Amino acid sequence: MAHDCAEAPNKGTTGSGSPVNCVQQGESMASLSDALVKELLSGRHIASFSSQNADGSIHVVAVWYCFDGGNLYVATSTRTRKARNIQSNPKVSLMIDSRDPAVSRGVCIAGTARFLTGESARNWNAKVHGKYLSPAALADERVGPVFAAWDDVTIQVTPTNVFAWDMREADKQVFGGAFEKNPGYLLGVEN
């Protein structure tokens, strides 16, 4: 199910349809406009957001996000580790996957982050919150205003690399349909 966070038209070309598509700037194997990529980026999934700590280790945290066809937006607080990390190094990655063994698929986005502040941040944060919280939750004085006050900036991620996978395509092209014919081959994951 897609959710309305769009403000810009989708850009790019359709991918090759291979089970694993990878794109770097200037290549056209896959793009933000590929059906699988758009489905995952427009859906209501939890993203894993990665940034680099000062000691060189990687910090990974689950985040809510919005996609406008060209950039991703993450509501956050300036007090978070990811925000502090971005101040030192704006290179980040997000992974969004289906977590469904029957249709295992996902996308990794590497890109450059920058902070949006003020009215722009409030507007994007409201879109991110509205994608994941019901109207009743947003209207509840114990929930909506708390999220609005908590997240004081927005991280805008401009993608530089896109990597996508689709186990359904891999099954057709590599495994001869073995997984489709034998649903028990892929074991369920814990929720």
N, C-alpha and C. Protein backbone atom coordinates (compact mmCIF):
# COMPACT_ATOMS: atom_id res chain seq x y z
N MET A 1 0.84 -1.18 0.00
CA MET A 1 0.00 0.00 0.00
C MET A 1 0.88 1.24 0.00
N ALA A 2 0.65 2.15 -0.91
CA ALA A 2 1.43 3.38 -0.99
C ALA A 2 0.85 4.43 -0.06
N HIS A 3 1.69 5.33 0.39
CA HIS A 3 1.27 6.39 1.30
C HIS A 3 1.72 7.71 0.73
N ASP A 4 0.94 8.76 0.89
CA ASP A 4 1.16 10.03 0.23
C ASP A 4 2.22 10.86 0.93
N CYS A 5 3.43 10.79 0.42
CA CYS A 5 4.51 11.66 0.88
C CYS A 5 5.11 12.38 -0.31
N ALA A 6 4.58 12.15 -1.50
CA ALA A 6 5.18 12.65 -2.73
C ALA A 6 4.96 14.15 -2.88
N GLU A 7 6.00 14.81 -3.35
CA GLU A 7 5.91 16.21 -3.75
C GLU A 7 6.59 16.42 -5.08
N ALA A 8 7.37 15.42 -5.53
CA ALA A 8 8.10 15.56 -6.78
C ALA A 8 7.84 14.34 -7.65
N PRO A 9 7.87 14.48 -8.99
CA PRO A 9 7.67 13.33 -9.85
C PRO A 9 8.84 12.36 -9.74
N ASN A 10 8.57 11.08 -10.03
CA ASN A 10 9.63 10.08 -10.02
C ASN A 10 10.57 10.33 -11.19
N LYS A 11 11.84 10.04 -10.97
CA LYS A 11 12.84 10.24 -12.00
C LYS A 11 13.54 8.92 -12.25
N GLY A 12 14.13 8.73 -13.42
CA GLY A 12 14.94 7.56 -13.70
C GLY A 12 14.32 6.67 -14.74
N THR A 13 14.96 5.50 -14.93
CA THR A 13 14.51 4.55 -15.93
C THR A 13 14.20 3.22 -15.28
N THR A 14 13.48 2.38 -15.98
CA THR A 14 13.12 1.07 -15.48
C THR A 14 14.34 0.16 -15.51
N GLY A 15 14.46 -0.69 -14.50
CA GLY A 15 15.61 -1.59 -14.38
C GLY A 15 15.51 -2.78 -15.31
N SER A 16 16.51 -3.63 -15.24
CA SER A 16 16.64 -4.75 -16.15
C SER A 16 15.75 -5.92 -15.77
N GLY A 17 15.20 -5.93 -14.55
CA GLY A 17 14.36 -7.05 -14.12
C GLY A 17 15.16 -8.20 -13.55
N SER A 18 16.47 -8.05 -13.41
CA SER A 18 17.27 -9.11 -12.84
C SER A 18 16.95 -9.26 -11.36
N PRO A 19 17.23 -10.42 -10.75
CA PRO A 19 16.87 -10.62 -9.36
C PRO A 19 17.55 -9.64 -8.42
N VAL A 20 18.73 -9.18 -8.77
CA VAL A 20 19.43 -8.19 -7.97
C VAL A 20 19.85 -7.07 -8.90
N ASN A 21 19.34 -5.88 -8.66
CA ASN A 21 19.68 -4.72 -9.47
C ASN A 21 20.54 -3.79 -8.65
N CYS A 22 21.58 -3.27 -9.25
CA CYS A 22 22.45 -2.32 -8.56
C CYS A 22 22.66 -1.13 -9.48
N VAL A 23 22.61 0.07 -8.93
CA VAL A 23 22.84 1.25 -9.75
C VAL A 23 23.76 2.20 -9.03
N GLN A 24 24.66 2.79 -9.75
CA GLN A 24 25.47 3.89 -9.26
C GLN A 24 25.21 5.05 -10.19
N GLN A 25 25.52 6.25 -9.76
CA GLN A 25 25.24 7.41 -10.59
C GLN A 25 25.79 7.18 -11.99
N GLY A 26 24.98 7.51 -13.00
CA GLY A 26 25.40 7.39 -14.38
C GLY A 26 25.05 6.05 -15.00
N GLU A 27 24.72 5.04 -14.22
CA GLU A 27 24.31 3.74 -14.76
C GLU A 27 22.80 3.69 -14.82
N SER A 28 22.25 2.73 -15.61
CA SER A 28 20.80 2.70 -15.75
C SER A 28 20.20 1.32 -15.49
N MET A 29 20.90 0.44 -14.76
CA MET A 29 20.36 -0.89 -14.48
C MET A 29 19.13 -0.82 -13.58
N ALA A 30 19.12 0.05 -12.64
CA ALA A 30 18.00 0.22 -11.71
C ALA A 30 17.92 1.68 -11.32
N SER A 31 16.79 2.08 -10.81
CA SER A 31 16.65 3.47 -10.40
C SER A 31 15.54 3.59 -9.37
N LEU A 32 15.36 4.80 -8.88
CA LEU A 32 14.30 5.06 -7.93
C LEU A 32 12.92 4.88 -8.55
N SER A 33 12.84 4.83 -9.88
CA SER A 33 11.54 4.66 -10.53
C SER A 33 11.23 3.19 -10.83
N ASP A 34 12.12 2.25 -10.52
CA ASP A 34 11.81 0.83 -10.70
C ASP A 34 10.61 0.47 -9.83
N ALA A 35 9.75 -0.37 -10.35
CA ALA A 35 8.51 -0.72 -9.64
C ALA A 35 8.79 -1.26 -8.24
N LEU A 36 9.74 -2.17 -8.10
CA LEU A 36 10.05 -2.75 -6.79
C LEU A 36 10.55 -1.68 -5.83
N VAL A 37 11.46 -0.84 -6.32
CA VAL A 37 12.02 0.22 -5.47
C VAL A 37 10.92 1.18 -5.04
N LYS A 38 10.09 1.62 -5.98
CA LYS A 38 9.00 2.54 -5.64
C LYS A 38 8.03 1.90 -4.66
N GLU A 39 7.72 0.61 -4.85
CA GLU A 39 6.79 -0.08 -3.94
C GLU A 39 7.32 -0.06 -2.51
N LEU A 40 8.58 -0.38 -2.34
CA LEU A 40 9.15 -0.42 -0.99
C LEU A 40 9.32 0.97 -0.40
N LEU A 41 9.78 1.93 -1.20
CA LEU A 41 10.00 3.28 -0.68
C LEU A 41 8.68 4.00 -0.39
N SER A 42 7.63 3.66 -1.12
CA SER A 42 6.33 4.31 -0.91
C SER A 42 5.48 3.59 0.14
N GLY A 43 5.84 2.36 0.47
CA GLY A 43 5.07 1.58 1.44
C GLY A 43 5.38 1.98 2.88
N ARG A 44 4.60 1.42 3.79
CA ARG A 44 4.80 1.67 5.22
C ARG A 44 5.66 0.54 5.79
N HIS A 45 6.95 0.72 5.70
CA HIS A 45 7.93 -0.23 6.23
C HIS A 45 8.81 0.50 7.24
N ILE A 46 9.53 -0.26 8.02
CA ILE A 46 10.52 0.30 8.91
C ILE A 46 11.86 0.21 8.20
N ALA A 47 12.60 1.30 8.15
CA ALA A 47 13.92 1.31 7.51
C ALA A 47 14.99 1.13 8.57
N SER A 48 16.08 0.50 8.17
CA SER A 48 17.29 0.46 9.00
C SER A 48 18.19 1.58 8.48
N PHE A 49 18.51 2.52 9.35
CA PHE A 49 19.29 3.71 8.99
C PHE A 49 20.69 3.56 9.55
N SER A 50 21.70 3.70 8.70
CA SER A 50 23.09 3.53 9.12
C SER A 50 23.89 4.81 8.93
N SER A 51 24.68 5.12 9.94
CA SER A 51 25.61 6.25 9.88
C SER A 51 26.89 5.80 10.58
N GLN A 52 27.96 6.59 10.40
CA GLN A 52 29.25 6.20 10.96
C GLN A 52 29.53 6.94 12.25
N ASN A 53 29.85 6.16 13.30
CA ASN A 53 30.24 6.74 14.59
C ASN A 53 31.63 7.35 14.50
N ALA A 54 31.96 8.18 15.46
CA ALA A 54 33.27 8.84 15.49
C ALA A 54 34.42 7.83 15.52
N ASP A 55 34.20 6.65 16.15
CA ASP A 55 35.28 5.65 16.23
C ASP A 55 35.37 4.76 14.98
N GLY A 56 34.54 5.07 13.96
CA GLY A 56 34.57 4.30 12.71
C GLY A 56 33.58 3.17 12.66
N SER A 57 32.99 2.78 13.80
CA SER A 57 31.98 1.73 13.79
C SER A 57 30.69 2.28 13.17
N ILE A 58 29.80 1.38 12.82
CA ILE A 58 28.54 1.76 12.17
C ILE A 58 27.42 1.74 13.19
N HIS A 59 26.63 2.79 13.19
CA HIS A 59 25.44 2.91 14.04
C HIS A 59 24.23 2.60 13.16
N VAL A 60 23.41 1.62 13.56
CA VAL A 60 22.21 1.25 12.82
C VAL A 60 21.01 1.40 13.74
N VAL A 61 19.97 2.05 13.24
CA VAL A 61 18.78 2.28 14.04
C VAL A 61 17.55 2.18 13.14
N ALA A 62 16.45 1.70 13.68
CA ALA A 62 15.19 1.62 12.94
C ALA A 62 14.57 3.02 12.87
N VAL A 63 14.05 3.39 11.69
CA VAL A 63 13.45 4.71 11.51
C VAL A 63 12.19 4.63 10.65
N TRP A 64 11.33 5.64 10.83
CA TRP A 64 10.23 5.89 9.92
C TRP A 64 10.74 6.85 8.86
N TYR A 65 10.17 6.79 7.68
CA TYR A 65 10.66 7.62 6.58
C TYR A 65 9.53 7.98 5.62
N CYS A 66 9.80 8.94 4.77
CA CYS A 66 8.92 9.34 3.68
C CYS A 66 9.78 9.45 2.42
N PHE A 67 9.19 9.20 1.28
CA PHE A 67 9.87 9.27 0.00
C PHE A 67 9.07 10.16 -0.93
N ASP A 68 9.73 11.10 -1.59
CA ASP A 68 9.02 12.03 -2.47
C ASP A 68 9.28 11.78 -3.95
N GLY A 69 9.90 10.66 -4.27
CA GLY A 69 10.23 10.34 -5.66
C GLY A 69 11.68 10.62 -5.98
N GLY A 70 12.35 11.41 -5.15
CA GLY A 70 13.74 11.72 -5.38
C GLY A 70 14.60 11.63 -4.14
N ASN A 71 14.04 11.99 -2.99
CA ASN A 71 14.76 11.98 -1.72
C ASN A 71 13.96 11.24 -0.67
N LEU A 72 14.67 10.81 0.38
CA LEU A 72 14.02 10.20 1.54
C LEU A 72 14.13 11.18 2.70
N TYR A 73 13.14 11.14 3.59
CA TYR A 73 13.08 12.06 4.72
C TYR A 73 12.85 11.26 6.00
N VAL A 74 13.64 11.56 7.01
CA VAL A 74 13.57 10.87 8.30
C VAL A 74 13.40 11.92 9.38
N ALA A 75 12.34 11.82 10.16
CA ALA A 75 12.12 12.73 11.28
C ALA A 75 13.01 12.28 12.43
N THR A 76 13.68 13.25 13.07
CA THR A 76 14.55 12.89 14.19
C THR A 76 14.79 14.09 15.10
N SER A 77 15.55 13.85 16.12
CA SER A 77 15.95 14.89 17.07
C SER A 77 17.43 15.20 16.89
N THR A 78 17.80 16.43 17.12
CA THR A 78 19.22 16.81 17.06
C THR A 78 20.02 16.11 18.16
N ARG A 79 19.33 15.55 19.15
CA ARG A 79 20.01 14.89 20.27
C ARG A 79 20.35 13.43 19.98
N THR A 80 19.93 12.88 18.84
CA THR A 80 20.18 11.47 18.54
C THR A 80 21.60 11.24 18.05
N ARG A 81 22.05 10.02 18.20
CA ARG A 81 23.37 9.65 17.71
C ARG A 81 23.45 9.81 16.19
N LYS A 82 22.39 9.42 15.47
CA LYS A 82 22.45 9.54 14.00
C LYS A 82 22.61 10.99 13.59
N ALA A 83 21.96 11.90 14.28
CA ALA A 83 22.11 13.33 13.96
C ALA A 83 23.53 13.80 14.25
N ARG A 84 24.08 13.39 15.38
CA ARG A 84 25.46 13.77 15.70
C ARG A 84 26.43 13.19 14.68
N ASN A 85 26.19 11.94 14.27
CA ASN A 85 27.07 11.31 13.28
C ASN A 85 27.04 12.04 11.95
N ILE A 86 25.86 12.47 11.52
CA ILE A 86 25.72 13.16 10.23
C ILE A 86 26.46 14.50 10.24
N GLN A 87 26.53 15.13 11.39
CA GLN A 87 27.28 16.39 11.48
C GLN A 87 28.75 16.18 11.14
N SER A 88 29.28 14.99 11.45
CA SER A 88 30.68 14.68 11.16
C SER A 88 30.87 14.05 9.78
N ASN A 89 29.89 13.25 9.36
CA ASN A 89 30.01 12.53 8.09
C ASN A 89 28.60 12.37 7.50
N PRO A 90 28.28 13.06 6.42
CA PRO A 90 26.93 13.02 5.87
C PRO A 90 26.59 11.77 5.05
N LYS A 91 27.52 10.84 4.93
CA LYS A 91 27.25 9.61 4.17
C LYS A 91 26.44 8.65 5.03
N VAL A 92 25.29 8.23 4.50
CA VAL A 92 24.38 7.34 5.25
C VAL A 92 23.85 6.26 4.31
N SER A 93 23.21 5.26 4.90
CA SER A 93 22.52 4.21 4.14
C SER A 93 21.22 3.87 4.83
N LEU A 94 20.23 3.49 4.02
CA LEU A 94 18.96 2.99 4.53
C LEU A 94 18.67 1.66 3.85
N MET A 95 18.15 0.69 4.60
CA MET A 95 17.69 -0.56 4.03
C MET A 95 16.22 -0.72 4.39
N ILE A 96 15.43 -1.02 3.39
CA ILE A 96 14.00 -1.27 3.58
C ILE A 96 13.72 -2.62 2.94
N ASP A 97 13.15 -3.54 3.72
CA ASP A 97 12.85 -4.86 3.18
C ASP A 97 11.48 -5.31 3.65
N SER A 98 10.95 -6.32 2.94
CA SER A 98 9.57 -6.77 3.18
C SER A 98 9.41 -7.63 4.41
N ARG A 99 10.45 -8.30 4.85
CA ARG A 99 10.42 -9.20 6.01
C ARG A 99 9.39 -10.31 5.87
N ASP A 100 9.05 -10.64 4.65
CA ASP A 100 8.08 -11.70 4.37
C ASP A 100 8.78 -12.78 3.56
N PRO A 101 9.00 -13.97 4.13
CA PRO A 101 9.75 -14.99 3.41
C PRO A 101 9.13 -15.37 2.07
N ALA A 102 7.82 -15.28 1.94
CA ALA A 102 7.16 -15.67 0.69
C ALA A 102 7.47 -14.68 -0.44
N VAL A 103 7.74 -13.44 -0.09
CA VAL A 103 8.02 -12.41 -1.11
C VAL A 103 9.21 -11.56 -0.66
N SER A 104 10.27 -12.22 -0.21
CA SER A 104 11.45 -11.52 0.30
C SER A 104 12.02 -10.59 -0.77
N ARG A 105 12.05 -9.29 -0.43
CA ARG A 105 12.56 -8.29 -1.36
C ARG A 105 12.99 -7.09 -0.55
N GLY A 106 13.86 -6.29 -1.13
CA GLY A 106 14.31 -5.12 -0.40
C GLY A 106 15.10 -4.16 -1.26
N VAL A 107 15.44 -3.04 -0.66
CA VAL A 107 16.23 -2.01 -1.34
C VAL A 107 17.17 -1.39 -0.32
N CYS A 108 18.41 -1.14 -0.74
CA CYS A 108 19.38 -0.40 0.05
C CYS A 108 19.67 0.89 -0.69
N ILE A 109 19.62 1.98 0.02
CA ILE A 109 19.90 3.30 -0.53
C ILE A 109 21.12 3.86 0.20
N ALA A 110 22.15 4.21 -0.53
CA ALA A 110 23.28 4.94 0.03
C ALA A 110 23.15 6.37 -0.47
N GLY A 111 23.47 7.33 0.38
CA GLY A 111 23.33 8.70 -0.06
C GLY A 111 23.97 9.69 0.88
N THR A 112 23.70 10.95 0.59
CA THR A 112 24.22 12.05 1.37
C THR A 112 23.08 12.69 2.15
N ALA A 113 23.32 12.91 3.43
CA ALA A 113 22.29 13.46 4.31
C ALA A 113 22.56 14.95 4.57
N ARG A 114 21.46 15.68 4.73
CA ARG A 114 21.55 17.06 5.20
C ARG A 114 20.34 17.31 6.08
N PHE A 115 20.45 18.30 6.95
CA PHE A 115 19.37 18.60 7.88
C PHE A 115 18.44 19.66 7.30
N LEU A 116 17.15 19.43 7.48
CA LEU A 116 16.14 20.46 7.24
C LEU A 116 15.71 20.94 8.62
N THR A 117 15.51 22.23 8.76
CA THR A 117 15.13 22.80 10.05
C THR A 117 13.91 23.69 9.87
N GLY A 118 13.42 24.22 10.97
CA GLY A 118 12.33 25.19 10.93
C GLY A 118 11.05 24.63 10.33
N GLU A 119 10.37 25.48 9.56
CA GLU A 119 9.07 25.12 8.97
C GLU A 119 9.18 23.92 8.03
N SER A 120 10.26 23.86 7.26
CA SER A 120 10.46 22.73 6.35
C SER A 120 10.52 21.42 7.13
N ALA A 121 11.27 21.40 8.22
CA ALA A 121 11.37 20.19 9.05
C ALA A 121 10.02 19.85 9.67
N ARG A 122 9.31 20.85 10.18
CA ARG A 122 7.99 20.58 10.78
C ARG A 122 7.05 19.96 9.75
N ASN A 123 7.07 20.47 8.52
CA ASN A 123 6.20 19.93 7.46
C ASN A 123 6.56 18.49 7.11
N TRP A 124 7.86 18.22 6.91
CA TRP A 124 8.27 16.84 6.57
C TRP A 124 8.04 15.90 7.74
N ASN A 125 8.33 16.35 8.94
CA ASN A 125 8.12 15.48 10.10
C ASN A 125 6.64 15.14 10.25
N ALA A 126 5.77 16.09 9.98
CA ALA A 126 4.32 15.81 10.04
C ALA A 126 3.94 14.76 8.99
N LYS A 127 4.55 14.81 7.82
CA LYS A 127 4.27 13.79 6.78
C LYS A 127 4.77 12.42 7.23
N VAL A 128 5.98 12.38 7.80
CA VAL A 128 6.51 11.10 8.28
C VAL A 128 5.61 10.55 9.38
N HIS A 129 5.26 11.37 10.36
CA HIS A 129 4.40 10.92 11.47
C HIS A 129 3.04 10.48 10.95
N GLY A 130 2.49 11.22 9.97
CA GLY A 130 1.19 10.87 9.41
C GLY A 130 1.19 9.58 8.61
N LYS A 131 2.35 9.16 8.16
CA LYS A 131 2.47 7.88 7.43
C LYS A 131 2.38 6.70 8.39
N TYR A 132 2.83 6.89 9.64
CA TYR A 132 2.93 5.78 10.59
C TYR A 132 1.96 5.84 11.75
N LEU A 133 1.38 6.99 12.01
CA LEU A 133 0.44 7.13 13.12
C LEU A 133 -0.96 7.42 12.59
N SER A 134 -1.96 6.85 13.21
CA SER A 134 -3.34 7.08 12.80
C SER A 134 -3.74 8.52 13.12
N PRO A 135 -4.80 9.03 12.46
CA PRO A 135 -5.29 10.37 12.81
C PRO A 135 -5.65 10.48 14.30
N ALA A 136 -6.18 9.40 14.86
CA ALA A 136 -6.51 9.42 16.29
C ALA A 136 -5.26 9.56 17.15
N ALA A 137 -4.19 8.87 16.78
CA ALA A 137 -2.93 8.98 17.54
C ALA A 137 -2.35 10.38 17.43
N LEU A 138 -2.40 10.95 16.22
CA LEU A 138 -1.88 12.31 16.03
C LEU A 138 -2.67 13.34 16.82
N ALA A 139 -3.98 13.11 16.96
CA ALA A 139 -4.85 14.04 17.70
C ALA A 139 -4.77 13.84 19.21
N ASP A 140 -4.30 12.68 19.65
CA ASP A 140 -4.20 12.39 21.08
C ASP A 140 -3.09 13.25 21.68
N GLU A 141 -3.43 14.05 22.69
CA GLU A 141 -2.46 14.97 23.31
C GLU A 141 -1.27 14.25 23.92
N ARG A 142 -1.42 12.94 24.20
CA ARG A 142 -0.33 12.16 24.77
C ARG A 142 0.62 11.64 23.69
N VAL A 143 0.23 11.74 22.40
CA VAL A 143 1.02 11.14 21.32
C VAL A 143 1.48 12.17 20.29
N GLY A 144 0.54 12.73 19.54
CA GLY A 144 0.88 13.64 18.44
C GLY A 144 1.81 14.77 18.83
N PRO A 145 1.45 15.56 19.84
CA PRO A 145 2.32 16.68 20.24
C PRO A 145 3.69 16.22 20.76
N VAL A 146 3.74 15.03 21.35
CA VAL A 146 5.01 14.52 21.85
C VAL A 146 5.96 14.23 20.69
N PHE A 147 5.45 13.55 19.65
CA PHE A 147 6.28 13.30 18.47
C PHE A 147 6.69 14.61 17.81
N ALA A 148 5.77 15.55 17.70
CA ALA A 148 6.07 16.84 17.07
C ALA A 148 7.18 17.59 17.81
N ALA A 149 7.17 17.53 19.13
CA ALA A 149 8.19 18.21 19.92
C ALA A 149 9.51 17.44 19.95
N TRP A 150 9.41 16.14 19.95
CA TRP A 150 10.57 15.26 20.03
C TRP A 150 11.46 15.41 18.80
N ASP A 151 10.86 15.33 17.61
CA ASP A 151 11.60 15.39 16.35
C ASP A 151 11.71 16.85 15.90
N ASP A 152 12.88 17.46 16.13
CA ASP A 152 13.04 18.88 15.84
C ASP A 152 13.74 19.17 14.50
N VAL A 153 14.23 18.14 13.82
CA VAL A 153 14.84 18.30 12.50
C VAL A 153 14.41 17.14 11.61
N THR A 154 14.64 17.31 10.32
CA THR A 154 14.41 16.23 9.35
C THR A 154 15.73 15.94 8.67
N ILE A 155 16.04 14.67 8.50
CA ILE A 155 17.19 14.27 7.70
C ILE A 155 16.70 14.04 6.29
N GLN A 156 17.23 14.79 5.34
CA GLN A 156 16.93 14.59 3.92
C GLN A 156 18.08 13.78 3.34
N VAL A 157 17.78 12.62 2.77
CA VAL A 157 18.80 11.77 2.16
C VAL A 157 18.64 11.84 0.66
N THR A 158 19.69 12.29 -0.01
CA THR A 158 19.73 12.31 -1.47
C THR A 158 20.49 11.06 -1.92
N PRO A 159 19.79 10.12 -2.58
CA PRO A 159 20.43 8.86 -2.96
C PRO A 159 21.56 9.04 -3.98
N THR A 160 22.63 8.27 -3.78
CA THR A 160 23.72 8.20 -4.75
C THR A 160 23.86 6.79 -5.32
N ASN A 161 23.42 5.79 -4.56
CA ASN A 161 23.46 4.39 -5.01
C ASN A 161 22.18 3.68 -4.58
N VAL A 162 21.70 2.79 -5.45
CA VAL A 162 20.52 1.99 -5.15
C VAL A 162 20.84 0.53 -5.44
N PHE A 163 20.50 -0.32 -4.49
CA PHE A 163 20.70 -1.77 -4.64
C PHE A 163 19.39 -2.41 -4.23
N ALA A 164 18.82 -3.24 -5.10
CA ALA A 164 17.54 -3.88 -4.79
C ALA A 164 17.63 -5.38 -5.04
N TRP A 165 16.84 -6.15 -4.29
CA TRP A 165 16.77 -7.58 -4.51
C TRP A 165 15.32 -8.04 -4.40
N ASP A 166 15.03 -9.13 -5.09
CA ASP A 166 13.69 -9.70 -5.08
C ASP A 166 13.83 -11.21 -5.16
N MET A 167 13.57 -11.90 -4.07
CA MET A 167 13.73 -13.35 -4.02
C MET A 167 12.79 -14.05 -5.01
N ARG A 168 11.65 -13.41 -5.32
CA ARG A 168 10.73 -14.02 -6.29
C ARG A 168 11.38 -14.11 -7.66
N GLU A 169 12.11 -13.06 -8.06
CA GLU A 169 12.81 -13.08 -9.35
C GLU A 169 13.99 -14.03 -9.31
N ALA A 170 14.71 -14.05 -8.20
CA ALA A 170 15.83 -14.99 -8.06
C ALA A 170 15.31 -16.43 -8.15
N ASP A 171 14.16 -16.69 -7.55
CA ASP A 171 13.58 -18.03 -7.61
C ASP A 171 13.30 -18.43 -9.05
N LYS A 172 12.72 -17.53 -9.83
CA LYS A 172 12.42 -17.82 -11.24
C LYS A 172 13.69 -18.02 -12.05
N GLN A 173 14.66 -17.13 -11.87
CA GLN A 173 15.82 -17.10 -12.74
C GLN A 173 16.96 -18.01 -12.30
N VAL A 174 17.08 -18.29 -11.01
CA VAL A 174 18.21 -19.04 -10.51
C VAL A 174 17.81 -20.41 -9.96
N PHE A 175 16.68 -20.46 -9.25
CA PHE A 175 16.29 -21.69 -8.56
C PHE A 175 15.20 -22.49 -9.27
N GLY A 176 14.84 -22.09 -10.48
CA GLY A 176 13.86 -22.83 -11.26
C GLY A 176 12.49 -22.93 -10.62
N GLY A 177 12.11 -21.95 -9.82
CA GLY A 177 10.80 -21.94 -9.18
C GLY A 177 10.69 -22.84 -7.96
N ALA A 178 11.82 -23.33 -7.45
CA ALA A 178 11.80 -24.27 -6.32
C ALA A 178 11.12 -23.68 -5.09
N PHE A 179 11.32 -22.40 -4.82
CA PHE A 179 10.72 -21.80 -3.64
C PHE A 179 9.22 -21.57 -3.81
N GLU A 180 8.80 -21.19 -5.02
CA GLU A 180 7.37 -21.00 -5.27
C GLU A 180 6.63 -22.32 -5.16
N LYS A 181 7.24 -23.39 -5.66
CA LYS A 181 6.60 -24.71 -5.63
C LYS A 181 6.66 -25.36 -4.26
N ASN A 182 7.55 -24.89 -3.41
CA ASN A 182 7.73 -25.46 -2.07
C ASN A 182 7.77 -24.34 -1.04
N PRO A 183 6.60 -23.82 -0.66
CA PRO A 183 6.54 -22.66 0.23
C PRO A 183 7.27 -22.86 1.56
N GLY A 184 7.44 -24.08 2.02
CA GLY A 184 8.11 -24.34 3.28
C GLY A 184 9.63 -24.23 3.22
N TYR A 185 10.19 -24.04 2.02
CA TYR A 185 11.65 -23.93 1.90
C TYR A 185 12.19 -22.71 2.65
N LEU A 186 11.52 -21.59 2.57
CA LEU A 186 11.95 -20.39 3.28
C LEU A 186 11.20 -20.32 4.60
N LEU A 187 11.92 -20.32 5.68
CA LEU A 187 11.33 -20.32 7.00
C LEU A 187 10.93 -18.90 7.41
N GLY A 188 9.86 -18.80 8.16
CA GLY A 188 9.37 -17.52 8.64
C GLY A 188 10.35 -16.87 9.60
N VAL A 189 10.24 -15.56 9.73
CA VAL A 189 11.10 -14.82 10.65
C VAL A 189 10.28 -14.38 11.86
N GLU A 190 10.95 -14.09 12.95
CA GLU A 190 10.28 -13.64 14.16
C GLU A 190 9.78 -12.21 13.97
N ASN A 191 8.63 -11.91 14.52
CA ASN A 191 8.10 -10.53 14.46
C ASN A 191 8.52 -9.78 15.68
